[in-house]
Amino acid sequence: MAESGNKRTIRGVVISDKMDKTIVVRAVRLVKHPVFHKYVRKHVKYKAHDEQNQCREGDTVLIIESRPLSREKRWRMLEILEKAK
């Protein structure tokens, strides 16, 4: 596929692969608390397109921004970085 422009990529862990050609990826990031100056872990869940249904729960994946594929799906799975044990 031809890529145009600068697309965001996010690294995360697959928490669900129950849907057909769709995975749910949990991305964790560290944010500094404005008052207490401690780093707090925040997470977001993204629905991503997995064309070959090759991802399994627990895999670490790289997802890339894409055009809207369905009502909630705006990401595509780019590659599997680490398979689950």
N, C-alpha and C. Protein backbone atom coordinates (compact mmCIF):
# COMPACT_ATOMS: atom_id res chain seq x y z
N MET A 1 0.83 -1.19 0.00
CA MET A 1 0.00 0.00 0.00
C MET A 1 0.87 1.25 0.00
N ALA A 2 0.46 2.25 -0.72
CA ALA A 2 1.22 3.50 -0.78
C ALA A 2 0.84 4.36 0.42
N GLU A 3 1.85 4.85 1.11
CA GLU A 3 1.64 5.70 2.28
C GLU A 3 1.75 7.16 1.84
N SER A 4 0.88 8.00 2.36
CA SER A 4 0.95 9.42 2.04
C SER A 4 1.01 10.22 3.33
N GLY A 5 1.90 11.19 3.38
CA GLY A 5 2.00 12.04 4.55
C GLY A 5 2.66 11.34 5.73
N ASN A 6 2.64 11.99 6.87
CA ASN A 6 3.21 11.43 8.09
C ASN A 6 2.10 10.80 8.92
N LYS A 7 2.12 9.47 8.98
CA LYS A 7 1.12 8.74 9.74
C LYS A 7 1.68 8.43 11.12
N ARG A 8 0.83 8.51 12.14
CA ARG A 8 1.27 8.16 13.49
C ARG A 8 1.37 6.65 13.61
N THR A 9 2.39 6.20 14.34
CA THR A 9 2.50 4.79 14.67
C THR A 9 2.50 4.65 16.18
N ILE A 10 1.87 3.59 16.65
CA ILE A 10 1.76 3.34 18.09
C ILE A 10 2.10 1.89 18.35
N ARG A 11 2.85 1.67 19.44
CA ARG A 11 3.21 0.32 19.85
C ARG A 11 2.29 -0.07 21.00
N GLY A 12 1.77 -1.30 20.97
CA GLY A 12 0.86 -1.73 22.02
C GLY A 12 0.75 -3.24 22.08
N VAL A 13 -0.05 -3.71 23.02
CA VAL A 13 -0.25 -5.14 23.24
C VAL A 13 -1.68 -5.49 22.85
N VAL A 14 -1.84 -6.60 22.13
CA VAL A 14 -3.17 -7.06 21.71
C VAL A 14 -3.88 -7.63 22.94
N ILE A 15 -5.05 -7.08 23.25
CA ILE A 15 -5.81 -7.58 24.40
C ILE A 15 -7.03 -8.38 23.96
N SER A 16 -7.40 -8.29 22.67
CA SER A 16 -8.51 -9.08 22.16
C SER A 16 -8.33 -9.32 20.67
N ASP A 17 -8.59 -10.58 20.26
CA ASP A 17 -8.56 -10.91 18.84
C ASP A 17 -9.82 -11.69 18.45
N LYS A 18 -10.90 -11.48 19.18
CA LYS A 18 -12.12 -12.25 19.00
C LYS A 18 -12.90 -11.85 17.75
N MET A 19 -12.74 -10.61 17.28
CA MET A 19 -13.47 -10.15 16.11
C MET A 19 -12.76 -10.61 14.83
N ASP A 20 -13.51 -10.68 13.75
CA ASP A 20 -12.93 -11.08 12.47
C ASP A 20 -12.18 -9.91 11.85
N LYS A 21 -10.88 -10.10 11.57
CA LYS A 21 -10.00 -9.10 10.95
C LYS A 21 -9.86 -7.83 11.79
N THR A 22 -10.12 -7.91 13.08
CA THR A 22 -10.00 -6.76 13.97
C THR A 22 -9.33 -7.19 15.27
N ILE A 23 -8.41 -6.34 15.74
CA ILE A 23 -7.78 -6.58 17.04
C ILE A 23 -7.97 -5.34 17.90
N VAL A 24 -7.95 -5.53 19.21
CA VAL A 24 -8.00 -4.41 20.14
C VAL A 24 -6.61 -4.31 20.76
N VAL A 25 -6.00 -3.13 20.62
CA VAL A 25 -4.63 -2.90 21.07
C VAL A 25 -4.65 -1.92 22.22
N ARG A 26 -3.95 -2.25 23.31
CA ARG A 26 -3.85 -1.37 24.49
C ARG A 26 -2.48 -0.71 24.46
N ALA A 27 -2.47 0.62 24.34
CA ALA A 27 -1.23 1.38 24.30
C ALA A 27 -1.07 2.13 25.62
N VAL A 28 0.08 1.95 26.26
CA VAL A 28 0.35 2.57 27.55
C VAL A 28 1.35 3.70 27.36
N ARG A 29 1.13 4.83 28.04
CA ARG A 29 2.10 5.93 28.00
C ARG A 29 2.27 6.50 29.39
N LEU A 30 3.40 7.12 29.63
CA LEU A 30 3.69 7.73 30.92
C LEU A 30 3.45 9.23 30.82
N VAL A 31 2.69 9.77 31.79
CA VAL A 31 2.37 11.19 31.83
C VAL A 31 2.78 11.72 33.19
N LYS A 32 3.44 12.86 33.20
CA LYS A 32 3.86 13.45 34.48
C LYS A 32 2.68 14.17 35.12
N HIS A 33 2.41 13.86 36.39
CA HIS A 33 1.32 14.49 37.11
C HIS A 33 1.66 15.95 37.35
N PRO A 34 0.72 16.87 37.07
CA PRO A 34 1.04 18.30 37.18
C PRO A 34 1.34 18.79 38.59
N VAL A 35 0.74 18.18 39.61
CA VAL A 35 0.94 18.64 40.99
C VAL A 35 2.00 17.82 41.71
N PHE A 36 1.91 16.50 41.62
CA PHE A 36 2.78 15.63 42.40
C PHE A 36 4.08 15.26 41.70
N HIS A 37 4.20 15.61 40.41
CA HIS A 37 5.43 15.37 39.62
C HIS A 37 5.86 13.91 39.60
N LYS A 38 4.89 13.03 39.72
CA LYS A 38 5.16 11.60 39.57
C LYS A 38 4.69 11.19 38.18
N TYR A 39 5.29 10.14 37.65
CA TYR A 39 4.85 9.64 36.36
C TYR A 39 3.71 8.64 36.56
N VAL A 40 2.62 8.88 35.87
CA VAL A 40 1.42 8.07 35.98
C VAL A 40 1.22 7.33 34.66
N ARG A 41 0.84 6.05 34.72
CA ARG A 41 0.60 5.26 33.52
C ARG A 41 -0.82 5.47 33.04
N LYS A 42 -0.98 5.88 31.80
CA LYS A 42 -2.31 6.03 31.20
C LYS A 42 -2.37 5.11 30.00
N HIS A 43 -3.55 4.57 29.72
CA HIS A 43 -3.68 3.69 28.57
C HIS A 43 -4.90 4.06 27.73
N VAL A 44 -4.81 3.70 26.45
CA VAL A 44 -5.89 3.91 25.49
C VAL A 44 -6.05 2.60 24.72
N LYS A 45 -7.30 2.25 24.38
CA LYS A 45 -7.55 1.06 23.57
C LYS A 45 -7.90 1.49 22.15
N TYR A 46 -7.24 0.88 21.19
CA TYR A 46 -7.49 1.16 19.78
C TYR A 46 -7.98 -0.11 19.09
N LYS A 47 -8.94 0.04 18.19
CA LYS A 47 -9.34 -1.07 17.33
C LYS A 47 -8.55 -0.94 16.03
N ALA A 48 -7.88 -2.02 15.63
CA ALA A 48 -7.02 -1.99 14.45
C ALA A 48 -7.39 -3.12 13.50
N HIS A 49 -7.14 -2.88 12.22
CA HIS A 49 -7.45 -3.86 11.18
C HIS A 49 -6.30 -4.86 11.05
N ASP A 50 -6.63 -6.14 11.07
CA ASP A 50 -5.65 -7.23 10.92
C ASP A 50 -6.14 -8.11 9.77
N GLU A 51 -5.66 -7.82 8.56
CA GLU A 51 -6.19 -8.46 7.34
C GLU A 51 -6.09 -9.98 7.35
N GLN A 52 -4.95 -10.55 7.79
CA GLN A 52 -4.76 -12.00 7.74
C GLN A 52 -5.15 -12.71 9.03
N ASN A 53 -5.69 -12.01 10.01
CA ASN A 53 -6.03 -12.59 11.31
C ASN A 53 -4.83 -13.30 11.93
N GLN A 54 -3.64 -12.70 11.85
CA GLN A 54 -2.43 -13.36 12.33
C GLN A 54 -2.05 -12.98 13.76
N CYS A 55 -2.65 -11.95 14.32
CA CYS A 55 -2.33 -11.54 15.70
C CYS A 55 -3.09 -12.39 16.70
N ARG A 56 -2.44 -12.67 17.81
CA ARG A 56 -3.07 -13.38 18.93
C ARG A 56 -2.98 -12.51 20.18
N GLU A 57 -3.79 -12.83 21.15
CA GLU A 57 -3.80 -12.10 22.42
C GLU A 57 -2.43 -12.17 23.07
N GLY A 58 -1.90 -11.01 23.49
CA GLY A 58 -0.60 -10.97 24.14
C GLY A 58 0.53 -10.55 23.22
N ASP A 59 0.30 -10.52 21.90
CA ASP A 59 1.33 -10.08 20.95
C ASP A 59 1.58 -8.58 21.10
N THR A 60 2.84 -8.18 20.92
CA THR A 60 3.18 -6.76 20.86
C THR A 60 3.21 -6.37 19.39
N VAL A 61 2.44 -5.33 19.04
CA VAL A 61 2.30 -4.95 17.63
C VAL A 61 2.55 -3.47 17.43
N LEU A 62 2.78 -3.11 16.17
CA LEU A 62 2.92 -1.73 15.75
C LEU A 62 1.72 -1.43 14.87
N ILE A 63 0.95 -0.39 15.24
CA ILE A 63 -0.21 -0.02 14.44
C ILE A 63 0.02 1.35 13.83
N ILE A 64 -0.58 1.58 12.66
CA ILE A 64 -0.40 2.83 11.94
C ILE A 64 -1.77 3.43 11.64
N GLU A 65 -1.82 4.75 11.65
CA GLU A 65 -3.03 5.48 11.38
C GLU A 65 -3.48 5.23 9.94
N SER A 66 -4.79 5.15 9.72
CA SER A 66 -5.30 4.96 8.36
C SER A 66 -6.65 5.67 8.22
N ARG A 67 -7.22 5.52 7.04
CA ARG A 67 -8.55 6.09 6.82
C ARG A 67 -9.57 5.30 7.64
N PRO A 68 -10.74 5.86 7.91
CA PRO A 68 -11.75 5.12 8.65
C PRO A 68 -12.16 3.84 7.92
N LEU A 69 -12.02 2.70 8.60
CA LEU A 69 -12.38 1.41 8.01
C LEU A 69 -13.75 0.94 8.48
N SER A 70 -14.19 1.43 9.63
CA SER A 70 -15.53 1.16 10.14
C SER A 70 -15.85 2.26 11.15
N ARG A 71 -16.89 2.07 11.92
CA ARG A 71 -17.31 3.13 12.85
C ARG A 71 -16.24 3.46 13.87
N GLU A 72 -15.51 2.44 14.37
CA GLU A 72 -14.50 2.68 15.40
C GLU A 72 -13.08 2.35 14.97
N LYS A 73 -12.90 1.80 13.77
CA LYS A 73 -11.58 1.34 13.33
C LYS A 73 -10.91 2.39 12.47
N ARG A 74 -9.81 2.99 12.99
CA ARG A 74 -9.05 3.99 12.25
C ARG A 74 -7.56 3.65 12.22
N TRP A 75 -7.21 2.42 12.55
CA TRP A 75 -5.81 1.98 12.61
C TRP A 75 -5.65 0.67 11.87
N ARG A 76 -4.44 0.42 11.36
CA ARG A 76 -4.10 -0.84 10.71
C ARG A 76 -2.90 -1.44 11.41
N MET A 77 -2.87 -2.76 11.50
CA MET A 77 -1.72 -3.43 12.09
C MET A 77 -0.60 -3.43 11.05
N LEU A 78 0.56 -2.87 11.42
CA LEU A 78 1.68 -2.76 10.50
C LEU A 78 2.58 -3.99 10.58
N GLU A 79 2.97 -4.35 11.83
CA GLU A 79 3.81 -5.54 11.99
C GLU A 79 3.70 -6.06 13.43
N ILE A 80 4.01 -7.35 13.57
CA ILE A 80 4.07 -7.97 14.90
C ILE A 80 5.50 -7.86 15.39
N LEU A 81 5.70 -7.14 16.49
CA LEU A 81 7.05 -6.94 17.02
C LEU A 81 7.50 -8.12 17.86
N GLU A 82 6.56 -8.70 18.62
CA GLU A 82 6.90 -9.82 19.51
C GLU A 82 5.67 -10.70 19.68
N LYS A 83 5.87 -11.99 19.47
CA LYS A 83 4.77 -12.93 19.64
C LYS A 83 4.56 -13.25 21.12
N ALA A 84 3.33 -13.61 21.48
CA ALA A 84 3.03 -13.98 22.86
C ALA A 84 3.65 -15.33 23.17
N LYS A 85 3.98 -15.53 24.44
CA LYS A 85 4.60 -16.79 24.87
C LYS A 85 3.57 -17.88 25.02
